[in-house]
All heavy atoms as atom14 arrays in JSON, in Angstrom:
{
  "sequence": "AVSYDRTYWDARGCSEGFAEDLLTAREDLPSRATTRQCVARLRTISW",
  "atom14_mask": [
    [1, 1, 1, 1, 1, 0, 0, 0, 0, 0, 0, 0, 0, 0],
    [1, 1, 1, 1, 1, 1, 1, 0, 0, 0, 0, 0, 0, 0],
    [1, 1, 1, 1, 1, 1, 0, 0, 0, 0, 0, 0, 0, 0],
    [1, 1, 1, 1, 1, 1, 1, 1, 1, 1, 1, 1, 0, 0],
    [1, 1, 1, 1, 1, 1, 1, 1, 0, 0, 0, 0, 0, 0],
    [1, 1, 1, 1, 1, 1, 1, 1, 1, 1, 1, 0, 0, 0],
    [1, 1, 1, 1, 1, 1, 1, 0, 0, 0, 0, 0, 0, 0],
    [1, 1, 1, 1, 1, 1, 1, 1, 1, 1, 1, 1, 0, 0],
    [1, 1, 1, 1, 1, 1, 1, 1, 1, 1, 1, 1, 1, 1],
    [1, 1, 1, 1, 1, 1, 1, 1, 0, 0, 0, 0, 0, 0],
    [1, 1, 1, 1, 1, 0, 0, 0, 0, 0, 0, 0, 0, 0],
    [1, 1, 1, 1, 1, 1, 1, 1, 1, 1, 1, 0, 0, 0],
    [1, 1, 1, 1, 0, 0, 0, 0, 0, 0, 0, 0, 0, 0],
    [1, 1, 1, 1, 1, 1, 0, 0, 0, 0, 0, 0, 0, 0],
    [1, 1, 1, 1, 1, 1, 0, 0, 0, 0, 0, 0, 0, 0],
    [1, 1, 1, 1, 1, 1, 1, 1, 1, 0, 0, 0, 0, 0],
    [1, 1, 1, 1, 0, 0, 0, 0, 0, 0, 0, 0, 0, 0],
    [1, 1, 1, 1, 1, 1, 1, 1, 1, 1, 1, 0, 0, 0],
    [1, 1, 1, 1, 1, 0, 0, 0, 0, 0, 0, 0, 0, 0],
    [1, 1, 1, 1, 1, 1, 1, 1, 1, 0, 0, 0, 0, 0],
    [1, 1, 1, 1, 1, 1, 1, 1, 0, 0, 0, 0, 0, 0],
    [1, 1, 1, 1, 1, 1, 1, 1, 0, 0, 0, 0, 0, 0],
    [1, 1, 1, 1, 1, 1, 1, 1, 0, 0, 0, 0, 0, 0],
    [1, 1, 1, 1, 1, 1, 1, 0, 0, 0, 0, 0, 0, 0],
    [1, 1, 1, 1, 1, 0, 0, 0, 0, 0, 0, 0, 0, 0],
    [1, 1, 1, 1, 1, 1, 1, 1, 1, 1, 1, 0, 0, 0],
    [1, 1, 1, 1, 1, 1, 1, 1, 1, 0, 0, 0, 0, 0],
    [1, 1, 1, 1, 1, 1, 1, 1, 0, 0, 0, 0, 0, 0],
    [1, 1, 1, 1, 1, 1, 1, 1, 0, 0, 0, 0, 0, 0],
    [1, 1, 1, 1, 1, 1, 1, 0, 0, 0, 0, 0, 0, 0],
    [1, 1, 1, 1, 1, 1, 0, 0, 0, 0, 0, 0, 0, 0],
    [1, 1, 1, 1, 1, 1, 1, 1, 1, 1, 1, 0, 0, 0],
    [1, 1, 1, 1, 1, 0, 0, 0, 0, 0, 0, 0, 0, 0],
    [1, 1, 1, 1, 1, 1, 1, 0, 0, 0, 0, 0, 0, 0],
    [1, 1, 1, 1, 1, 1, 1, 0, 0, 0, 0, 0, 0, 0],
    [1, 1, 1, 1, 1, 1, 1, 1, 1, 1, 1, 0, 0, 0],
    [1, 1, 1, 1, 1, 1, 1, 1, 1, 0, 0, 0, 0, 0],
    [1, 1, 1, 1, 1, 1, 0, 0, 0, 0, 0, 0, 0, 0],
    [1, 1, 1, 1, 1, 1, 1, 0, 0, 0, 0, 0, 0, 0],
    [1, 1, 1, 1, 1, 0, 0, 0, 0, 0, 0, 0, 0, 0],
    [1, 1, 1, 1, 1, 1, 1, 1, 1, 1, 1, 0, 0, 0],
    [1, 1, 1, 1, 1, 1, 1, 1, 0, 0, 0, 0, 0, 0],
    [1, 1, 1, 1, 1, 1, 1, 1, 1, 1, 1, 0, 0, 0],
    [1, 1, 1, 1, 1, 1, 1, 0, 0, 0, 0, 0, 0, 0],
    [1, 1, 1, 1, 1, 1, 1, 1, 0, 0, 0, 0, 0, 0],
    [1, 1, 1, 1, 1, 1, 0, 0, 0, 0, 0, 0, 0, 0],
    [1, 1, 1, 1, 1, 1, 1, 1, 1, 1, 1, 1, 1, 1]
  ],
  "atom14_positions": [
    [[-176.32, 11.51, -94.72], [-176.55, 10.52, -93.67], [-175.86, 9.2, -93.97], [-175.71, 8.38, -93.07], [-178.06, 10.28, -93.51], [0.0, 0.0, 0.0], [0.0, 0.0, 0.0], [0.0, 0.0, 0.0], [0.0, 0.0, 0.0], [0.0, 0.0, 0.0], [0.0, 0.0, 0.0], [0.0, 0.0, 0.0], [0.0, 0.0, 0.0], [0.0, 0.0, 0.0]],
    [[-175.45, 8.96, -95.21], [-174.92, 7.66, -95.58], [-173.5, 7.78, -96.1], [-173.05, 8.84, -96.52], [-175.8, 6.97, -96.65], [-177.21, 6.78, -96.14], [-175.81, 7.78, -97.94], [0.0, 0.0, 0.0], [0.0, 0.0, 0.0], [0.0, 0.0, 0.0], [0.0, 0.0, 0.0], [0.0, 0.0, 0.0], [0.0, 0.0, 0.0], [0.0, 0.0, 0.0]],
    [[-172.78, 6.63, -96.06], [-171.38, 6.65, -96.44], [-171.17, 6.49, -97.94], [-170.08, 6.75, -98.43], [-170.63, 5.54, -95.69], [-171.2, 4.27, -95.95], [0.0, 0.0, 0.0], [0.0, 0.0, 0.0], [0.0, 0.0, 0.0], [0.0, 0.0, 0.0], [0.0, 0.0, 0.0], [0.0, 0.0, 0.0], [0.0, 0.0, 0.0], [0.0, 0.0, 0.0]],
    [[-172.18, 6.04, -98.68], [-172.07, 5.91, -100.14], [-173.16, 6.78, -100.76], [-174.29, 6.79, -100.27], [-172.32, 4.46, -100.58], [-171.24, 3.47, -100.23], [-170.45, 3.6, -99.11], [-171.04, 2.36, -101.04], [-169.47, 2.67, -98.79], [-170.07, 1.41, -100.74], [-169.29, 1.57, -99.61], [-168.34, 0.65, -99.3], [0.0, 0.0, 0.0], [0.0, 0.0, 0.0]],
    [[-172.86, 7.46, -101.86], [-173.88, 8.33, -102.43], [-174.8, 7.54, -103.37], [-174.59, 6.38, -103.66], [-173.26, 9.55, -103.12], [-172.44, 9.19, -104.35], [-172.74, 8.16, -104.99], [-171.5, 9.94, -104.67], [0.0, 0.0, 0.0], [0.0, 0.0, 0.0], [0.0, 0.0, 0.0], [0.0, 0.0, 0.0], [0.0, 0.0, 0.0], [0.0, 0.0, 0.0]],
    [[-175.83, 8.21, -103.83], [-176.87, 7.55, -104.63], [-176.36, 7.02, -105.95], [-176.85, 6.01, -106.46], [-178.03, 8.53, -104.88], [-178.75, 8.96, -103.63], [-179.68, 10.14, -103.91], [-180.09, 10.78, -102.68], [-181.3, 10.67, -102.15], [-182.2, 9.92, -102.74], [-181.61, 11.29, -101.03], [0.0, 0.0, 0.0], [0.0, 0.0, 0.0], [0.0, 0.0, 0.0]],
    [[-175.35, 7.69, -106.52], [-174.84, 7.23, -107.8], [-174.22, 5.84, -107.7], [-174.31, 5.05, -108.63], [-173.79, 8.22, -108.36], [-172.73, 8.38, -107.4], [-174.43, 9.58, -108.62], [0.0, 0.0, 0.0], [0.0, 0.0, 0.0], [0.0, 0.0, 0.0], [0.0, 0.0, 0.0], [0.0, 0.0, 0.0], [0.0, 0.0, 0.0], [0.0, 0.0, 0.0]],
    [[-173.62, 5.53, -106.54], [-173.06, 4.2, -106.32], [-174.16, 3.15, -106.39], [-174.05, 2.13, -107.05], [-172.34, 4.13, -104.98], [-172.02, 2.72, -104.53], [-170.88, 2.07, -104.99], [-172.87, 2.02, -103.67], [-170.58, 0.77, -104.6], [-172.57, 0.73, -103.27], [-171.44, 0.11, -103.74], [-171.16, -1.17, -103.35], [0.0, 0.0, 0.0], [0.0, 0.0, 0.0]],
    [[-175.26, 3.4, -105.68], [-176.35, 2.41, -105.62], [-177.06, 2.29, -106.95], [-177.46, 1.2, -107.35], [-177.33, 2.8, -104.51], [-176.68, 2.75, -103.17], [-176.33, 3.81, -102.38], [-176.24, 1.58, -102.47], [-175.72, 3.37, -101.24], [-175.66, 2.01, -101.27], [-176.31, 0.21, -102.74], [-175.13, 1.11, -100.34], [-175.79, -0.68, -101.82], [-175.2, -0.22, -100.64]],
    [[-177.25, 3.41, -107.63], [-177.87, 3.35, -108.95], [-177.02, 2.53, -109.91], [-177.53, 1.69, -110.66], [-178.07, 4.76, -109.51], [-179.23, 5.51, -108.85], [-180.05, 4.83, -108.19], [-179.3, 6.73, -109.0], [0.0, 0.0, 0.0], [0.0, 0.0, 0.0], [0.0, 0.0, 0.0], [0.0, 0.0, 0.0], [0.0, 0.0, 0.0], [0.0, 0.0, 0.0]],
    [[-175.71, 2.74, -109.86], [-174.81, 2.01, -110.76], [-174.78, 0.53, -110.4], [-174.8, -0.34, -111.28], [-173.41, 2.61, -110.69], [0.0, 0.0, 0.0], [0.0, 0.0, 0.0], [0.0, 0.0, 0.0], [0.0, 0.0, 0.0], [0.0, 0.0, 0.0], [0.0, 0.0, 0.0], [0.0, 0.0, 0.0], [0.0, 0.0, 0.0], [0.0, 0.0, 0.0]],
    [[-174.75, 0.2, -109.11], [-174.71, -1.2, -108.7], [-175.99, -1.91, -109.08], [-175.98, -3.04, -109.57], [-174.48, -1.31, -107.19], [-174.13, -2.71, -106.76], [-173.78, -2.78, -105.29], [-174.96, -3.02, -104.47], [-174.92, -3.63, -103.29], [-173.76, -4.03, -102.79], [-176.01, -3.81, -102.59], [0.0, 0.0, 0.0], [0.0, 0.0, 0.0], [0.0, 0.0, 0.0]],
    [[-177.12, -1.25, -108.86], [-178.4, -1.88, -109.17], [-178.63, -2.08, -110.65], [-179.37, -2.98, -111.05], [0.0, 0.0, 0.0], [0.0, 0.0, 0.0], [0.0, 0.0, 0.0], [0.0, 0.0, 0.0], [0.0, 0.0, 0.0], [0.0, 0.0, 0.0], [0.0, 0.0, 0.0], [0.0, 0.0, 0.0], [0.0, 0.0, 0.0], [0.0, 0.0, 0.0]],
    [[-177.99, -1.25, -111.47], [-178.2, -1.34, -112.91], [-177.1, -2.13, -113.62], [-177.18, -2.32, -114.84], [-178.28, 0.05, -113.52], [-179.76, 0.95, -113.02], [0.0, 0.0, 0.0], [0.0, 0.0, 0.0], [0.0, 0.0, 0.0], [0.0, 0.0, 0.0], [0.0, 0.0, 0.0], [0.0, 0.0, 0.0], [0.0, 0.0, 0.0], [0.0, 0.0, 0.0]],
    [[-176.09, -2.58, -112.88], [-175.02, -3.32, -113.53], [-175.56, -4.62, -114.1], [-176.47, -5.24, -113.56], [-173.88, -3.6, -112.54], [-174.34, -4.38, -111.46], [0.0, 0.0, 0.0], [0.0, 0.0, 0.0], [0.0, 0.0, 0.0], [0.0, 0.0, 0.0], [0.0, 0.0, 0.0], [0.0, 0.0, 0.0], [0.0, 0.0, 0.0], [0.0, 0.0, 0.0]],
    [[-174.98, -5.05, -115.2], [-175.47, -6.21, -115.93], [-175.48, -7.46, -115.06], [-174.44, -7.89, -114.55], [-174.58, -6.45, -117.17], [-175.08, -7.55, -118.07], [-176.4, -7.19, -118.76], [-176.64, -5.98, -118.96], [-177.15, -8.11, -119.1], [0.0, 0.0, 0.0], [0.0, 0.0, 0.0], [0.0, 0.0, 0.0], [0.0, 0.0, 0.0], [0.0, 0.0, 0.0]],
    [[-176.66, -8.04, -114.87], [-176.79, -9.3, -114.16], [-176.74, -9.22, -112.65], [-176.89, -10.24, -111.98], [0.0, 0.0, 0.0], [0.0, 0.0, 0.0], [0.0, 0.0, 0.0], [0.0, 0.0, 0.0], [0.0, 0.0, 0.0], [0.0, 0.0, 0.0], [0.0, 0.0, 0.0], [0.0, 0.0, 0.0], [0.0, 0.0, 0.0], [0.0, 0.0, 0.0]],
    [[-176.58, -8.01, -112.07], [-176.45, -7.91, -110.61], [-177.69, -8.42, -109.89], [-177.61, -9.28, -109.02], [-176.17, -6.46, -110.22], [-176.13, -6.23, -108.74], [-175.02, -6.6, -108.01], [-177.2, -5.65, -108.07], [-174.98, -6.4, -106.64], [-177.16, -5.45, -106.7], [-176.04, -5.82, -105.98], [0.0, 0.0, 0.0], [0.0, 0.0, 0.0], [0.0, 0.0, 0.0]],
    [[-178.84, -7.89, -110.25], [-180.08, -8.31, -109.59], [-180.37, -9.78, -109.86], [-180.77, -10.53, -108.96], [-181.24, -7.45, -110.08], [0.0, 0.0, 0.0], [0.0, 0.0, 0.0], [0.0, 0.0, 0.0], [0.0, 0.0, 0.0], [0.0, 0.0, 0.0], [0.0, 0.0, 0.0], [0.0, 0.0, 0.0], [0.0, 0.0, 0.0], [0.0, 0.0, 0.0]],
    [[-180.17, -10.21, -111.1], [-180.46, -11.6, -111.45], [-179.58, -12.57, -110.66], [-180.04, -13.62, -110.22], [-180.25, -11.79, -112.95], [-181.27, -11.07, -113.83], [-180.97, -9.6, -114.02], [-179.96, -9.09, -113.46], [-181.74, -8.93, -114.72], [0.0, 0.0, 0.0], [0.0, 0.0, 0.0], [0.0, 0.0, 0.0], [0.0, 0.0, 0.0], [0.0, 0.0, 0.0]],
    [[-178.31, -12.2, -110.47], [-177.41, -13.07, -109.72], [-177.87, -13.23, -108.27], [-177.82, -14.32, -107.69], [-175.98, -12.52, -109.75], [-175.33, -12.68, -111.11], [-175.87, -13.46, -111.93], [-174.29, -12.04, -111.33], [0.0, 0.0, 0.0], [0.0, 0.0, 0.0], [0.0, 0.0, 0.0], [0.0, 0.0, 0.0], [0.0, 0.0, 0.0], [0.0, 0.0, 0.0]],
    [[-178.31, -12.14, -107.66], [-178.76, -12.22, -106.27], [-180.06, -13.01, -106.15], [-180.24, -13.77, -105.2], [-178.96, -10.81, -105.71], [-177.68, -10.04, -105.35], [-178.04, -8.67, -104.82], [-176.84, -10.79, -104.34], [0.0, 0.0, 0.0], [0.0, 0.0, 0.0], [0.0, 0.0, 0.0], [0.0, 0.0, 0.0], [0.0, 0.0, 0.0], [0.0, 0.0, 0.0]],
    [[-180.94, -12.85, -107.09], [-182.22, -13.54, -107.03], [-182.07, -15.05, -107.24], [-182.89, -15.83, -106.78], [-183.19, -12.96, -108.05], [-183.75, -11.58, -107.7], [-184.48, -10.99, -108.89], [-184.67, -11.65, -106.5], [0.0, 0.0, 0.0], [0.0, 0.0, 0.0], [0.0, 0.0, 0.0], [0.0, 0.0, 0.0], [0.0, 0.0, 0.0], [0.0, 0.0, 0.0]],
    [[-181.03, -15.46, -107.93], [-180.82, -16.88, -108.19], [-179.7, -17.46, -107.32], [-179.21, -18.55, -107.59], [-180.47, -17.11, -109.67], [-179.3, -16.35, -110.0], [-181.63, -16.68, -110.57], [0.0, 0.0, 0.0], [0.0, 0.0, 0.0], [0.0, 0.0, 0.0], [0.0, 0.0, 0.0], [0.0, 0.0, 0.0], [0.0, 0.0, 0.0], [0.0, 0.0, 0.0]],
    [[-179.31, -16.73, -106.27], [-178.22, -17.18, -105.4], [-178.58, -18.5, -104.72], [-179.75, -18.79, -104.44], [-177.93, -16.12, -104.34], [0.0, 0.0, 0.0], [0.0, 0.0, 0.0], [0.0, 0.0, 0.0], [0.0, 0.0, 0.0], [0.0, 0.0, 0.0], [0.0, 0.0, 0.0], [0.0, 0.0, 0.0], [0.0, 0.0, 0.0], [0.0, 0.0, 0.0]],
    [[-177.57, -19.28, -104.45], [-177.77, -20.58, -103.8], [-178.35, -20.4, -102.42], [-178.09, -19.43, -101.71], [-176.44, -21.33, -103.69], [-175.76, -21.63, -105.01], [-174.64, -22.65, -104.8], [-173.89, -22.42, -103.59], [-172.78, -21.67, -103.53], [-172.34, -21.06, -104.61], [-172.13, -21.53, -102.38], [0.0, 0.0, 0.0], [0.0, 0.0, 0.0], [0.0, 0.0, 0.0]],
    [[-179.12, -21.39, -101.99], [-179.77, -21.32, -100.69], [-178.77, -21.36, -99.54], [-179.09, -20.94, -98.43], [-180.76, -22.48, -100.55], [-182.01, -22.33, -101.38], [-182.85, -21.11, -100.96], [-182.92, -20.83, -99.76], [-183.4, -20.44, -101.85], [0.0, 0.0, 0.0], [0.0, 0.0, 0.0], [0.0, 0.0, 0.0], [0.0, 0.0, 0.0], [0.0, 0.0, 0.0]],
    [[-177.55, -21.87, -99.77], [-176.59, -21.97, -98.68], [-175.76, -20.7, -98.5], [-174.9, -20.64, -97.61], [-175.66, -23.17, -98.89], [-174.82, -23.04, -100.18], [-175.26, -22.31, -101.09], [-173.78, -23.69, -100.27], [0.0, 0.0, 0.0], [0.0, 0.0, 0.0], [0.0, 0.0, 0.0], [0.0, 0.0, 0.0], [0.0, 0.0, 0.0], [0.0, 0.0, 0.0]],
    [[-176.0, -19.67, -99.29], [-175.27, -18.44, -99.13], [-175.76, -17.69, -97.88], [-176.93, -17.78, -97.5], [-175.43, -17.55, -100.36], [-174.74, -18.05, -101.63], [-174.96, -17.07, -102.77], [-173.25, -18.25, -101.39], [0.0, 0.0, 0.0], [0.0, 0.0, 0.0], [0.0, 0.0, 0.0], [0.0, 0.0, 0.0], [0.0, 0.0, 0.0], [0.0, 0.0, 0.0]],
    [[-174.87, -16.93, -97.22], [-175.25, -16.28, -95.97], [-176.39, -15.28, -96.1], [-177.18, -15.11, -95.17], [-173.95, -15.6, -95.51], [-173.07, -15.59, -96.7], [-173.44, -16.77, -97.52], [0.0, 0.0, 0.0], [0.0, 0.0, 0.0], [0.0, 0.0, 0.0], [0.0, 0.0, 0.0], [0.0, 0.0, 0.0], [0.0, 0.0, 0.0], [0.0, 0.0, 0.0]],
    [[-176.51, -14.6, -97.24], [-177.61, -13.65, -97.4], [-178.96, -14.36, -97.33], [-179.93, -13.82, -96.79], [-177.49, -12.91, -98.73], [-177.51, -13.81, -99.82], [0.0, 0.0, 0.0], [0.0, 0.0, 0.0], [0.0, 0.0, 0.0], [0.0, 0.0, 0.0], [0.0, 0.0, 0.0], [0.0, 0.0, 0.0], [0.0, 0.0, 0.0], [0.0, 0.0, 0.0]],
    [[-179.03, -15.58, -97.85], [-180.27, -16.34, -97.76], [-180.54, -16.78, -96.32], [-181.69, -16.87, -95.88], [-180.21, -17.56, -98.68], [-180.27, -17.21, -100.17], [-181.57, -16.51, -100.52], [-181.69, -16.21, -101.92], [-182.36, -16.95, -102.8], [-182.98, -18.04, -102.41], [-182.41, -16.59, -104.06], [0.0, 0.0, 0.0], [0.0, 0.0, 0.0], [0.0, 0.0, 0.0]],
    [[-179.46, -17.06, -95.57], [-179.64, -17.42, -94.15], [-180.28, -16.28, -93.38], [-181.14, -16.49, -92.52], [-178.29, -17.8, -93.53], [0.0, 0.0, 0.0], [0.0, 0.0, 0.0], [0.0, 0.0, 0.0], [0.0, 0.0, 0.0], [0.0, 0.0, 0.0], [0.0, 0.0, 0.0], [0.0, 0.0, 0.0], [0.0, 0.0, 0.0], [0.0, 0.0, 0.0]],
    [[-179.89, -15.05, -93.7], [-180.47, -13.89, -93.05], [-181.95, -13.77, -93.36], [-182.78, -13.55, -92.46], [-179.74, -12.61, -93.49], [-178.37, -12.72, -93.15], [-180.33, -11.39, -92.81], [0.0, 0.0, 0.0], [0.0, 0.0, 0.0], [0.0, 0.0, 0.0], [0.0, 0.0, 0.0], [0.0, 0.0, 0.0], [0.0, 0.0, 0.0], [0.0, 0.0, 0.0]],
    [[-182.31, -13.92, -94.61], [-183.72, -13.82, -94.99], [-184.53, -14.91, -94.33], [-185.66, -14.67, -93.87], [-183.87, -13.89, -96.52], [-183.08, -12.85, -97.11], [-185.32, -13.7, -96.93], [0.0, 0.0, 0.0], [0.0, 0.0, 0.0], [0.0, 0.0, 0.0], [0.0, 0.0, 0.0], [0.0, 0.0, 0.0], [0.0, 0.0, 0.0], [0.0, 0.0, 0.0]],
    [[-183.98, -16.11, -94.26], [-184.7, -17.2, -93.59], [-184.94, -16.89, -92.11], [-186.01, -17.19, -91.57], [-183.92, -18.52, -93.73], [-183.99, -19.12, -95.13], [-183.53, -20.57, -95.11], [-182.13, -20.7, -94.72], [-181.11, -20.67, -95.56], [-181.33, -20.48, -96.86], [-179.87, -20.81, -95.13], [0.0, 0.0, 0.0], [0.0, 0.0, 0.0], [0.0, 0.0, 0.0]],
    [[-183.96, -16.28, -91.46], [-184.14, -15.88, -90.06], [-185.26, -14.86, -89.93], [-186.09, -14.93, -89.01], [-182.83, -15.27, -89.53], [-181.75, -16.28, -89.25], [-181.78, -16.75, -87.8], [-182.76, -16.6, -87.1], [-180.68, -17.32, -87.37], [0.0, 0.0, 0.0], [0.0, 0.0, 0.0], [0.0, 0.0, 0.0], [0.0, 0.0, 0.0], [0.0, 0.0, 0.0]],
    [[-185.3, -13.89, -90.84], [-186.36, -12.87, -90.8], [-187.73, -13.5, -91.01], [-188.69, -13.18, -90.3], [-186.1, -11.81, -91.86], [-184.65, -10.78, -91.56], [0.0, 0.0, 0.0], [0.0, 0.0, 0.0], [0.0, 0.0, 0.0], [0.0, 0.0, 0.0], [0.0, 0.0, 0.0], [0.0, 0.0, 0.0], [0.0, 0.0, 0.0], [0.0, 0.0, 0.0]],
    [[-187.83, -14.39, -91.98], [-189.1, -15.07, -92.24], [-189.53, -15.86, -91.01], [-190.72, -15.84, -90.62], [-188.99, -15.98, -93.48], [-190.2, -16.9, -93.58], [-188.85, -15.14, -94.74], [0.0, 0.0, 0.0], [0.0, 0.0, 0.0], [0.0, 0.0, 0.0], [0.0, 0.0, 0.0], [0.0, 0.0, 0.0], [0.0, 0.0, 0.0], [0.0, 0.0, 0.0]],
    [[-188.6, -16.55, -90.37], [-188.93, -17.35, -89.18], [-189.45, -16.46, -88.06], [-190.43, -16.81, -87.37], [-187.7, -18.13, -88.71], [0.0, 0.0, 0.0], [0.0, 0.0, 0.0], [0.0, 0.0, 0.0], [0.0, 0.0, 0.0], [0.0, 0.0, 0.0], [0.0, 0.0, 0.0], [0.0, 0.0, 0.0], [0.0, 0.0, 0.0], [0.0, 0.0, 0.0]],
    [[-188.83, -15.29, -87.86], [-189.3, -14.39, -86.82], [-190.68, -13.83, -87.17], [-191.54, -13.66, -86.29], [-188.32, -13.23, -86.62], [-186.96, -13.63, -86.11], [-187.05, -14.43, -84.82], [-187.73, -13.72, -83.76], [-188.17, -14.28, -82.64], [-188.02, -15.58, -82.45], [-188.76, -13.57, -81.72], [0.0, 0.0, 0.0], [0.0, 0.0, 0.0], [0.0, 0.0, 0.0]],
    [[-190.9, -13.52, -88.42], [-192.19, -12.97, -88.83], [-193.32, -13.97, -88.65], [-194.48, -13.58, -88.47], [-192.12, -12.52, -90.29], [-191.31, -11.24, -90.54], [-191.06, -11.05, -92.03], [-192.02, -10.02, -89.96], [0.0, 0.0, 0.0], [0.0, 0.0, 0.0], [0.0, 0.0, 0.0], [0.0, 0.0, 0.0], [0.0, 0.0, 0.0], [0.0, 0.0, 0.0]],
    [[-193.01, -15.24, -88.69], [-194.05, -16.27, -88.47], [-194.47, -16.33, -87.0], [-195.5, -16.94, -86.69], [-193.54, -17.63, -88.92], [-193.31, -17.75, -90.42], [-193.1, -19.2, -90.85], [-192.68, -19.31, -92.23], [-193.48, -19.2, -93.29], [-194.77, -18.96, -93.1], [-193.01, -19.33, -94.53], [0.0, 0.0, 0.0], [0.0, 0.0, 0.0], [0.0, 0.0, 0.0]],
    [[-193.72, -15.73, -86.1], [-194.02, -15.8, -84.67], [-194.79, -14.59, -84.16], [-195.16, -14.57, -82.99], [-192.72, -15.95, -83.86], [-191.98, -14.73, -83.93], [-191.89, -17.1, -84.36], [0.0, 0.0, 0.0], [0.0, 0.0, 0.0], [0.0, 0.0, 0.0], [0.0, 0.0, 0.0], [0.0, 0.0, 0.0], [0.0, 0.0, 0.0], [0.0, 0.0, 0.0]],
    [[-194.98, -13.57, -85.0], [-195.66, -12.37, -84.55], [-196.88, -12.1, -85.42], [-197.01, -12.61, -86.53], [-194.72, -11.15, -84.57], [-194.24, -10.85, -85.99], [-193.53, -11.37, -83.65], [-193.33, -9.64, -86.1], [0.0, 0.0, 0.0], [0.0, 0.0, 0.0], [0.0, 0.0, 0.0], [0.0, 0.0, 0.0], [0.0, 0.0, 0.0], [0.0, 0.0, 0.0]],
    [[-197.78, -11.27, -84.88], [-198.99, -10.9, -85.61], [-198.73, -9.61, -86.37], [-198.32, -8.6, -85.79], [-200.15, -10.72, -84.63], [-201.3, -10.24, -85.28], [0.0, 0.0, 0.0], [0.0, 0.0, 0.0], [0.0, 0.0, 0.0], [0.0, 0.0, 0.0], [0.0, 0.0, 0.0], [0.0, 0.0, 0.0], [0.0, 0.0, 0.0], [0.0, 0.0, 0.0]],
    [[-198.96, -9.63, -87.68], [-198.75, -8.43, -88.49], [-199.51, -8.55, -89.8], [-199.78, -9.64, -90.29], [-197.27, -8.2, -88.75], [-196.6, -9.28, -89.56], [-196.16, -10.49, -89.1], [-196.34, -9.26, -90.96], [-195.63, -11.23, -90.13], [-195.72, -10.5, -91.28], [-196.56, -8.33, -91.98], [-195.31, -10.81, -92.58], [-196.16, -8.65, -93.27], [-195.54, -9.88, -93.55]]
  ]
}
C-alpha cells in the first residue's frame, strides 16, 4: 500500500539523532506550523 517499505522507516527512525533533532526543531520550521494548525483546530471541536 505504501511507496517506501518498513526497512526505510525503521532505519530512519533509528538513525543517530534523528528523533532528537525533530523534537528540538525551531518553532519557525514548517513542520511546527502544521502541528500548530492541528492544535488550533482541535481546540474548536469536542473530543
